[in-house]
N, C-alpha and C. Protein backbone atom coordinates (compact mmCIF):
# COMPACT_ATOMS: atom_id res chain seq x y z
N MET A 1 85.03 138.94 -8.96
CA MET A 1 85.35 140.51 -7.85
C MET A 1 86.43 141.19 -8.54
N LEU A 2 87.70 140.72 -8.58
CA LEU A 2 88.60 141.12 -9.39
C LEU A 2 89.11 140.18 -10.57
N ALA A 3 87.91 139.60 -10.92
CA ALA A 3 88.53 138.89 -12.46
C ALA A 3 88.66 139.90 -13.46
N GLN A 4 88.10 140.91 -13.33
CA GLN A 4 88.98 142.67 -14.67
C GLN A 4 90.35 142.20 -14.35
N PHE A 5 91.38 141.76 -13.13
CA PHE A 5 92.80 142.23 -13.66
C PHE A 5 93.49 140.85 -13.88
N GLY A 6 92.32 139.20 -14.67
CA GLY A 6 93.08 138.59 -15.13
C GLY A 6 93.87 138.81 -16.45
N ALA A 7 93.29 139.15 -17.45
CA ALA A 7 94.56 138.85 -18.10
C ALA A 7 94.09 139.98 -19.72
N GLY A 8 94.41 140.25 -20.30
CA GLY A 8 94.26 140.56 -21.57
C GLY A 8 93.87 142.23 -21.86
N GLN A 9 93.10 142.70 -22.35
CA GLN A 9 92.19 144.27 -22.40
C GLN A 9 92.16 144.52 -21.11
N ARG A 10 90.94 143.74 -20.73
CA ARG A 10 90.32 144.05 -19.40
C ARG A 10 90.95 144.53 -18.37
N ALA A 11 92.19 143.89 -18.16
CA ALA A 11 93.30 144.03 -17.14
C ALA A 11 94.09 145.55 -17.40
N ALA A 12 94.35 145.69 -18.93
CA ALA A 12 95.11 146.65 -18.69
C ALA A 12 93.96 148.16 -18.79
N LEU A 13 92.64 147.77 -18.64
CA LEU A 13 91.92 148.67 -18.61
C LEU A 13 91.72 149.03 -17.27
N ALA A 14 91.18 148.05 -16.57
CA ALA A 14 91.36 148.04 -15.13
C ALA A 14 92.41 148.38 -14.11
N LEU A 15 93.76 148.14 -14.95
CA LEU A 15 95.24 148.83 -13.91
C LEU A 15 95.53 150.12 -14.25
N THR A 16 95.16 150.47 -15.49
CA THR A 16 95.03 151.93 -15.78
C THR A 16 93.95 152.71 -15.24
N LEU A 17 92.98 152.58 -14.88
CA LEU A 17 91.81 153.26 -13.85
C LEU A 17 92.93 154.41 -12.75
N PRO A 18 92.66 155.37 -12.59
CA PRO A 18 93.20 156.57 -11.87
C PRO A 18 92.81 156.43 -9.94
N ALA A 19 92.88 155.07 -9.79
CA ALA A 19 93.03 154.55 -8.08
C ALA A 19 94.01 153.86 -7.81
N SER A 20 94.30 154.27 -6.44
CA SER A 20 95.42 152.87 -6.15
C SER A 20 95.00 151.58 -5.98
N GLN A 21 95.73 150.64 -5.94
CA GLN A 21 95.45 149.65 -6.03
C GLN A 21 95.12 149.17 -4.54
N LEU A 22 94.92 149.40 -3.32
CA LEU A 22 94.64 149.51 -2.27
C LEU A 22 92.67 150.36 -2.12
N GLU A 23 92.36 151.13 -2.93
CA GLU A 23 91.25 151.23 -3.40
C GLU A 23 90.75 150.64 -4.40
N LYS A 24 91.34 149.84 -5.50
CA LYS A 24 90.83 149.27 -6.18
C LYS A 24 90.34 148.09 -5.00
N TYR A 25 90.90 147.40 -4.33
CA TYR A 25 90.90 146.42 -3.62
C TYR A 25 89.75 146.48 -2.41
N LEU A 26 89.72 147.68 -1.83
CA LEU A 26 88.28 147.66 -0.75
C LEU A 26 87.39 147.76 -1.40
N VAL A 27 87.18 148.55 -2.65
CA VAL A 27 85.59 148.59 -3.44
C VAL A 27 85.46 147.15 -3.93
N ALA A 28 86.33 146.08 -4.29
CA ALA A 28 85.57 145.05 -4.49
C ALA A 28 85.07 144.13 -3.02
N TRP A 29 86.84 144.75 -1.83
CA TRP A 29 86.17 143.90 -0.58
C TRP A 29 84.74 144.62 -0.62
N LEU A 30 84.75 145.53 -0.07
CA LEU A 30 83.63 146.22 0.36
C LEU A 30 82.36 145.77 -0.43
N LEU A 31 82.29 145.72 -1.55
CA LEU A 31 80.77 145.39 -2.48
C LEU A 31 80.35 144.03 -2.21
N SER A 32 81.34 143.25 -1.71
CA SER A 32 81.27 141.80 -2.09
C SER A 32 81.27 141.23 -0.71
N LEU A 33 81.55 141.96 0.11
CA LEU A 33 81.32 141.00 1.68
C LEU A 33 80.06 141.75 2.78
N PRO A 34 80.28 143.22 3.07
CA PRO A 34 79.47 143.86 3.91
C PRO A 34 77.88 144.07 3.28
N VAL A 35 78.34 144.56 1.79
CA VAL A 35 77.18 145.29 0.85
C VAL A 35 76.14 144.01 0.59
N PHE A 36 77.30 142.86 -0.05
CA PHE A 36 76.44 141.67 -0.66
C PHE A 36 75.65 141.12 0.54
N LEU A 37 75.54 141.09 2.10
CA LEU A 37 75.54 140.04 2.59
C LEU A 37 74.08 141.51 3.25
N VAL A 38 74.15 142.85 3.81
CA VAL A 38 73.03 143.51 4.24
C VAL A 38 72.28 143.35 2.46
N VAL A 39 72.36 143.72 1.06
CA VAL A 39 71.56 143.54 0.49
C VAL A 39 70.49 141.93 0.58
N TYR A 40 71.37 140.91 0.57
CA TYR A 40 71.23 139.67 0.46
C TYR A 40 70.31 139.36 1.81
N LEU A 41 70.37 139.74 2.86
CA LEU A 41 69.42 140.09 4.04
C LEU A 41 68.45 140.38 3.90
N ALA A 42 68.12 141.83 3.66
CA ALA A 42 67.14 142.71 3.07
C ALA A 42 65.85 141.91 1.98
N VAL A 43 66.98 141.27 0.87
CA VAL A 43 65.99 140.99 0.01
C VAL A 43 65.39 139.25 0.70
N PHE A 44 66.34 138.54 1.00
CA PHE A 44 65.74 137.63 2.27
C PHE A 44 64.20 137.64 3.07
N TYR A 45 64.43 138.98 3.95
CA TYR A 45 63.15 139.14 4.70
C TYR A 45 62.19 140.02 4.23
N LEU A 46 62.78 140.20 2.85
CA LEU A 46 61.34 140.89 2.19
C LEU A 46 61.05 139.78 1.44
N ALA A 47 61.44 138.65 1.02
CA ALA A 47 61.06 137.69 0.37
C ALA A 47 60.05 136.57 1.41
N ASP A 48 61.20 136.44 3.08
CA ASP A 48 59.42 135.80 3.66
C ASP A 48 58.58 136.81 3.94
N TRP A 49 58.66 137.93 4.63
CA TRP A 49 57.56 138.97 4.65
C TRP A 49 56.49 138.48 3.72
N LEU A 50 57.03 138.71 2.48
CA LEU A 50 55.83 138.77 1.51
C LEU A 50 55.20 137.22 1.12
N VAL A 51 55.66 136.36 1.70
CA VAL A 51 55.30 135.07 1.95
C VAL A 51 54.68 134.98 2.89
N LEU A 52 54.90 135.60 3.68
CA LEU A 52 53.50 135.42 5.04
C LEU A 52 52.33 136.08 4.88
N GLN A 53 52.47 137.13 4.09
CA GLN A 53 51.52 138.24 3.80
C GLN A 53 50.68 137.07 2.85
N ALA A 54 51.14 136.52 1.87
CA ALA A 54 50.54 135.92 1.03
C ALA A 54 50.13 134.47 0.97
N MET A 55 50.52 133.76 2.29
CA MET A 55 49.74 133.07 3.11
C MET A 55 48.44 133.21 3.95
N GLY A 56 48.74 134.85 4.61
CA GLY A 56 48.35 135.15 5.01
C GLY A 56 47.46 134.18 6.91
N LEU A 57 48.83 133.46 7.21
CA LEU A 57 48.86 132.56 8.67
C LEU A 57 49.11 133.86 9.74
N PRO A 58 48.03 133.67 10.51
CA PRO A 58 48.28 134.58 11.71
C PRO A 58 49.04 133.98 12.67
N GLY A 59 49.95 134.74 13.25
CA GLY A 59 50.85 134.43 14.27
C GLY A 59 52.21 133.71 13.66
N GLN A 60 52.26 134.10 12.19
CA GLN A 60 53.70 133.81 11.88
C GLN A 60 54.38 134.73 11.79
N THR A 61 55.83 134.63 11.84
CA THR A 61 56.85 135.87 12.25
C THR A 61 58.32 135.47 11.34
N LEU A 62 58.66 136.19 11.22
CA LEU A 62 59.86 136.55 10.31
C LEU A 62 61.04 135.68 10.81
N VAL A 63 61.42 135.06 9.78
CA VAL A 63 62.50 134.27 10.60
C VAL A 63 63.80 134.86 10.63
N ASN A 64 64.40 134.51 12.29
CA ASN A 64 65.45 135.14 12.56
C ASN A 64 66.60 134.55 11.83
N VAL A 65 67.77 135.17 11.83
CA VAL A 65 69.01 134.69 10.90
C VAL A 65 69.75 134.84 11.93
N PHE A 66 69.63 136.27 12.94
CA PHE A 66 70.77 136.57 13.49
C PHE A 66 70.29 135.57 15.13
N THR A 67 70.72 134.16 15.37
CA THR A 67 70.88 133.32 16.62
C THR A 67 72.15 133.07 16.95
N PRO A 68 72.36 132.37 17.41
CA PRO A 68 73.63 132.26 17.84
C PRO A 68 74.09 131.13 16.96
N ASP A 69 73.28 130.31 16.74
CA ASP A 69 73.89 129.62 15.28
C ASP A 69 73.94 129.69 14.15
N ALA A 70 73.88 131.19 14.00
CA ALA A 70 74.61 131.58 12.55
C ALA A 70 76.13 131.81 12.50
N GLY A 71 76.41 131.93 13.91
CA GLY A 71 78.26 132.36 13.72
C GLY A 71 78.95 131.47 12.91
N PRO A 72 79.27 130.26 13.08
CA PRO A 72 79.92 129.38 12.34
C PRO A 72 79.39 129.47 10.74
N VAL A 73 78.23 129.69 10.44
CA VAL A 73 77.88 129.87 8.99
C VAL A 73 78.87 131.53 8.32
N LEU A 74 78.66 132.63 9.55
CA LEU A 74 79.26 133.84 9.01
C LEU A 74 80.89 133.44 8.83
N LEU A 75 81.50 132.64 9.52
CA LEU A 75 82.86 132.44 9.68
C LEU A 75 83.09 131.52 8.58
N ILE A 76 82.43 130.58 8.08
CA ILE A 76 82.26 129.75 6.80
C ILE A 76 82.43 130.81 5.79
N PHE A 77 81.48 131.85 5.71
CA PHE A 77 80.84 132.46 4.43
C PHE A 77 82.53 133.03 4.45
N LEU A 78 83.05 133.94 5.71
CA LEU A 78 84.06 134.55 5.25
C LEU A 78 85.33 133.52 4.74
N VAL A 79 85.66 132.61 5.43
CA VAL A 79 86.70 131.56 5.04
C VAL A 79 86.32 131.46 3.17
N LEU A 80 85.10 131.36 2.83
CA LEU A 80 84.57 130.99 1.58
C LEU A 80 85.14 132.44 0.53
N HIS A 81 84.22 133.68 1.51
CA HIS A 81 85.00 134.99 0.83
C HIS A 81 86.24 135.49 0.70
N GLY A 82 86.93 134.95 1.59
CA GLY A 82 88.92 135.03 1.68
C GLY A 82 88.94 134.31 0.16
N LEU A 83 88.66 132.91 -0.02
CA LEU A 83 89.02 132.20 -1.27
C LEU A 83 88.21 133.25 -2.16
N ALA A 84 87.42 133.01 -2.41
CA ALA A 84 86.76 133.03 -3.85
C ALA A 84 88.09 135.03 -3.96
N LEU A 85 87.91 135.45 -3.18
CA LEU A 85 88.46 136.81 -3.72
C LEU A 85 90.28 136.45 -3.99
N TRP A 86 90.31 135.82 -3.45
CA TRP A 86 92.21 135.38 -4.33
C TRP A 86 91.89 134.52 -4.97
N GLY A 87 91.58 133.26 -5.21
CA GLY A 87 91.24 133.17 -6.54
C GLY A 87 90.69 133.92 -8.11
N SER A 88 89.63 134.88 -7.59
CA SER A 88 89.70 135.88 -8.78
C SER A 88 90.83 136.72 -9.19
N ILE A 89 91.47 136.84 -8.45
CA ILE A 89 93.07 137.45 -8.97
C ILE A 89 93.98 136.76 -8.78
N PHE A 90 93.98 135.58 -8.58
CA PHE A 90 94.83 135.13 -8.95
C PHE A 90 95.54 134.01 -10.21
N TYR A 91 94.10 133.30 -10.38
CA TYR A 91 94.01 132.93 -11.80
C TYR A 91 93.31 133.63 -13.13
N THR A 92 93.59 133.07 -13.95
CA THR A 92 93.69 134.45 -15.38
C THR A 92 92.24 134.15 -16.09
N ARG A 93 91.78 132.56 -16.32
CA ARG A 93 90.73 132.04 -17.01
C ARG A 93 89.94 131.19 -15.71
N LEU A 94 88.44 131.25 -15.75
CA LEU A 94 88.00 129.93 -15.02
C LEU A 94 88.03 130.36 -13.59
N GLN A 95 87.93 131.66 -13.22
CA GLN A 95 88.60 131.42 -11.81
C GLN A 95 87.95 130.90 -10.64
N PHE A 96 86.45 130.81 -10.97
CA PHE A 96 85.80 130.18 -10.09
C PHE A 96 85.78 128.72 -10.21
N VAL A 97 85.91 128.13 -11.79
CA VAL A 97 85.95 126.70 -11.37
C VAL A 97 87.14 126.60 -10.57
N LYS A 98 88.20 127.22 -11.18
CA LYS A 98 89.35 126.46 -10.48
C LYS A 98 89.43 126.49 -8.90
N THR A 99 89.49 128.15 -8.70
CA THR A 99 89.06 128.20 -7.12
C THR A 99 88.37 127.34 -6.31
N ALA A 100 87.02 127.14 -6.94
CA ALA A 100 86.04 125.90 -6.36
C ALA A 100 86.93 124.55 -6.16
N PHE A 101 87.62 124.30 -7.33
CA PHE A 101 88.06 122.81 -7.00
C PHE A 101 89.52 122.61 -6.46
N LEU A 102 90.21 123.65 -6.29
CA LEU A 102 91.26 123.51 -5.10
C LEU A 102 91.05 123.60 -3.66
N GLY A 103 89.62 124.68 -3.41
CA GLY A 103 88.72 124.22 -2.38
C GLY A 103 88.25 123.16 -2.02
N PHE A 104 88.01 122.30 -2.73
CA PHE A 104 87.42 121.15 -2.52
C PHE A 104 88.52 119.95 -2.23
N LEU A 105 89.62 120.37 -3.21
CA LEU A 105 90.68 119.88 -3.14
C LEU A 105 91.44 119.48 -1.59
N VAL A 106 91.94 120.78 -1.77
CA VAL A 106 92.50 120.95 -0.16
C VAL A 106 91.61 120.61 1.05
N ALA A 107 89.97 121.52 0.89
CA ALA A 107 89.14 120.15 2.29
C ALA A 107 88.92 118.83 2.16
N GLY A 108 89.34 118.27 1.25
CA GLY A 108 89.56 116.67 1.12
C GLY A 108 90.45 116.29 1.38
N ALA A 109 91.60 116.62 0.85
CA ALA A 109 92.77 116.34 1.37
C ALA A 109 93.05 115.94 2.90
N LEU A 110 92.61 117.45 3.38
CA LEU A 110 92.64 117.78 4.83
C LEU A 110 91.82 116.89 5.85
N GLY A 111 90.65 116.74 5.48
CA GLY A 111 89.64 115.62 6.25
C GLY A 111 90.42 114.05 5.92
N ILE A 112 90.93 113.63 5.18
CA ILE A 112 91.37 112.10 4.73
C ILE A 112 92.52 111.90 5.25
N LEU A 113 93.58 113.26 5.17
CA LEU A 113 95.09 113.23 5.99
C LEU A 113 94.86 113.13 7.56
N ASN A 114 94.06 113.62 8.12
CA ASN A 114 93.42 114.17 9.68
C ASN A 114 93.02 113.08 9.99
N LEU A 115 91.84 112.19 9.46
CA LEU A 115 91.34 110.80 10.38
C LEU A 115 92.90 109.95 10.03
N GLN A 116 93.49 110.15 8.99
CA GLN A 116 94.37 108.62 8.87
C GLN A 116 95.28 109.05 9.46
N GLY A 117 96.26 110.34 9.78
CA GLY A 117 96.88 110.95 11.02
C GLY A 117 95.98 110.09 12.35
N LEU A 118 94.57 110.37 12.35
CA LEU A 118 94.49 110.45 14.30
C LEU A 118 94.32 108.50 14.13
N LYS A 119 93.62 107.99 13.57
CA LYS A 119 94.23 106.60 12.99
C LYS A 119 95.44 106.31 13.48
N ALA A 120 96.39 106.87 12.56
CA ALA A 120 97.46 106.41 13.11
C ALA A 120 98.40 106.56 14.89
N LEU A 121 97.92 108.07 15.56
CA LEU A 121 98.21 108.28 16.40
C LEU A 121 97.47 107.38 17.53
N LEU A 122 95.99 107.38 17.38
CA LEU A 122 95.53 107.10 18.38
C LEU A 122 95.30 105.96 18.60
N SER A 123 94.09 105.37 17.69
CA SER A 123 93.77 103.83 17.40
C SER A 123 93.15 103.51 16.30
N LYS A 124 93.01 102.33 15.86
CA LYS A 124 92.83 101.81 14.74
C LYS A 124 90.87 101.81 14.81
N ASP A 125 90.22 102.07 15.91
CA ASP A 125 89.22 102.41 16.40
C ASP A 125 88.60 103.75 15.81
N VAL A 126 89.03 104.68 15.16
CA VAL A 126 88.53 106.12 15.16
C VAL A 126 87.68 105.91 13.95
N ARG A 127 86.24 106.16 14.52
CA ARG A 127 85.11 106.37 13.66
C ARG A 127 85.18 107.65 12.42
N ALA A 128 85.31 108.64 13.15
CA ALA A 128 85.02 109.94 12.25
C ALA A 128 85.91 110.97 13.34
N ALA A 129 86.91 111.86 12.18
CA ALA A 129 87.26 113.33 12.88
C ALA A 129 87.12 113.99 11.97
N LEU A 130 86.56 115.54 12.02
CA LEU A 130 86.59 116.61 11.20
C LEU A 130 88.06 116.92 11.68
N PRO A 131 88.83 117.70 10.94
CA PRO A 131 89.48 118.61 11.04
C PRO A 131 89.24 119.48 12.56
N TRP A 132 90.32 119.75 13.55
CA TRP A 132 89.69 120.78 14.40
C TRP A 132 88.85 120.35 15.01
N GLY A 133 88.22 119.32 15.73
CA GLY A 133 87.15 118.89 15.62
C GLY A 133 86.90 117.32 16.71
N ASP A 134 86.15 116.69 17.28
CA ASP A 134 85.94 115.93 18.31
C ASP A 134 86.19 114.86 17.40
N VAL A 135 87.20 113.74 18.19
CA VAL A 135 87.16 112.69 17.54
C VAL A 135 86.44 111.36 17.85
N HIS A 136 85.90 110.70 17.20
CA HIS A 136 84.37 109.90 17.66
C HIS A 136 85.10 108.25 17.69
N PHE A 137 84.89 107.71 18.46
CA PHE A 137 85.66 106.02 19.09
C PHE A 137 84.48 105.26 18.26
N ASN A 138 84.72 104.35 18.50
CA ASN A 138 83.43 103.25 18.40
C ASN A 138 82.38 103.45 19.47
N ASN A 139 83.13 103.57 20.67
CA ASN A 139 81.71 103.78 22.09
C ASN A 139 82.29 104.93 22.69
N ALA A 140 83.05 106.09 22.60
CA ALA A 140 83.48 107.07 23.30
C ALA A 140 83.88 108.35 22.14
N THR A 141 83.50 109.27 22.94
CA THR A 141 84.36 110.77 21.87
C THR A 141 85.32 111.35 23.02
N LEU A 142 86.20 111.58 21.91
CA LEU A 142 87.24 112.78 22.84
C LEU A 142 86.85 114.08 21.92
N ALA A 143 87.09 115.17 22.72
CA ALA A 143 86.66 116.49 22.47
C ALA A 143 87.76 117.38 23.51
N LEU A 144 88.15 118.27 23.03
CA LEU A 144 88.37 119.73 23.84
C LEU A 144 87.69 120.54 24.56
N PRO A 145 88.20 120.44 25.72
CA PRO A 145 87.21 121.62 27.16
C PRO A 145 86.60 122.52 26.47
N GLU A 146 85.82 123.09 26.97
CA GLU A 146 85.00 124.20 26.12
C GLU A 146 85.85 125.35 26.18
N THR A 147 86.80 125.98 27.30
CA THR A 147 87.62 127.17 26.87
C THR A 147 88.43 127.29 26.31
N GLN A 148 89.10 126.11 25.38
CA GLN A 148 90.15 125.55 24.84
C GLN A 148 89.26 125.71 23.34
N ALA A 149 88.26 125.24 23.21
CA ALA A 149 87.60 124.94 21.73
C ALA A 149 86.98 126.20 21.11
N GLN A 150 86.62 127.33 22.03
CA GLN A 150 86.13 128.66 21.70
C GLN A 150 87.58 129.12 20.92
N TRP A 151 88.82 128.80 21.34
CA TRP A 151 89.84 129.46 20.51
C TRP A 151 89.77 129.30 18.88
N LEU A 152 88.87 127.79 18.70
CA LEU A 152 88.84 127.57 17.44
C LEU A 152 88.35 128.38 16.64
N LEU A 153 87.60 128.67 16.86
CA LEU A 153 86.51 129.97 16.18
C LEU A 153 87.50 130.87 15.14
N LEU A 154 88.82 131.20 16.57
CA LEU A 154 89.53 131.95 15.36
C LEU A 154 90.22 131.71 14.36
N LEU A 155 90.44 130.44 14.16
CA LEU A 155 90.70 129.79 13.16
C LEU A 155 90.19 130.46 11.50
N PRO A 156 89.38 130.13 11.21
CA PRO A 156 88.24 130.52 10.39
C PRO A 156 89.07 131.97 10.35
N VAL A 157 88.33 132.84 10.74
CA VAL A 157 88.97 133.99 11.16
C VAL A 157 90.17 134.70 10.83
N VAL A 158 91.31 133.94 10.70
CA VAL A 158 92.80 134.23 11.08
C VAL A 158 92.98 133.79 9.40
N LEU A 159 92.15 132.44 8.77
CA LEU A 159 92.43 132.03 7.38
C LEU A 159 91.72 133.31 6.71
N ALA A 160 90.92 133.73 6.83
CA ALA A 160 90.01 134.48 6.07
C ALA A 160 91.14 135.97 5.66
N LEU A 161 91.36 136.23 7.18
CA LEU A 161 92.67 137.71 6.74
C LEU A 161 93.98 137.26 6.11
N LEU A 162 94.38 136.22 6.39
CA LEU A 162 95.37 135.62 5.30
C LEU A 162 94.97 135.66 3.88
N LEU A 163 94.02 134.81 3.70
CA LEU A 163 93.57 134.84 1.87
C LEU A 163 93.23 136.07 1.61
N TRP A 164 92.21 136.85 2.15
CA TRP A 164 92.14 138.86 1.81
C TRP A 164 94.00 139.12 1.53
N ALA A 165 94.60 138.89 2.67
CA ALA A 165 96.08 139.96 2.75
C ALA A 165 96.81 139.23 1.29
N ALA A 166 96.33 137.66 1.18
CA ALA A 166 96.81 137.02 0.06
C ALA A 166 96.31 137.68 -1.61
N ALA A 167 95.47 138.13 -1.55
CA ALA A 167 94.46 138.98 -2.17
C ALA A 167 95.20 140.13 -3.01
N TYR A 168 95.16 140.99 -1.88
CA TYR A 168 95.77 142.04 -1.73
C TYR A 168 97.30 142.08 -2.22
N ALA A 169 98.30 141.06 -1.83
CA ALA A 169 99.28 141.44 -2.58
C ALA A 169 99.33 140.55 -3.79
N ARG A 170 98.64 139.67 -4.33
CA ARG A 170 98.23 139.53 -5.61
C ARG A 170 98.41 140.50 -6.75
N LEU A 171 97.20 141.55 -6.13
CA LEU A 171 96.41 142.52 -6.61
C LEU A 171 97.74 143.89 -6.74
N THR A 172 98.71 143.93 -5.62
CA THR A 172 99.55 144.76 -5.96
C THR A 172 100.63 144.38 -6.70
N GLU A 173 100.89 143.29 -7.26
CA GLU A 173 101.78 142.39 -8.27
C GLU A 173 101.59 142.83 -9.27
N LYS A 174 100.22 143.19 -9.94
CA LYS A 174 99.92 143.36 -11.15
C LYS A 174 100.32 144.35 -11.78
N GLN A 175 100.89 144.48 -12.89
CA GLN A 175 100.92 145.23 -13.60
C GLN A 175 100.71 145.02 -15.13
N ILE A 176 101.04 146.34 -15.94
CA ILE A 176 100.68 145.73 -17.81
C ILE A 176 102.02 145.71 -17.83
């Protein structure tokens, strides 16, 4: 997305374009998030329609991806998009590999530290606990009340906003 700002001659060409850093960032953001989602969904529905037409099955309808279950998937996509955008401007070489490695490393460390911390705080009987999720014991489950659990949906949105802001801040630091 912003890999052209990495290093070398490509960075020099990208940095000398007659546009502000905000305009360059917004073009990358718009193309990689809303435009990508619209094009991806259009191609998905076209492929689904073609398969249904080719199979000739009566009574079959297109898959509905706009269900309430799609909300968490979209939130995860927002965080991954923010991480990818940040990684593409932060690293100069092998942006995808380094960003993916960092993402897996942080997610793994967070999961391990969360489980071990809960075992130390609550009990050795903690069987499974995702970060910011329910805690499962051998014979019971500890969960937040539904009204408070809804606030956890803001966490990925805030994280995505912070990653987008960090990517923009890093882009504004780039100079020839």
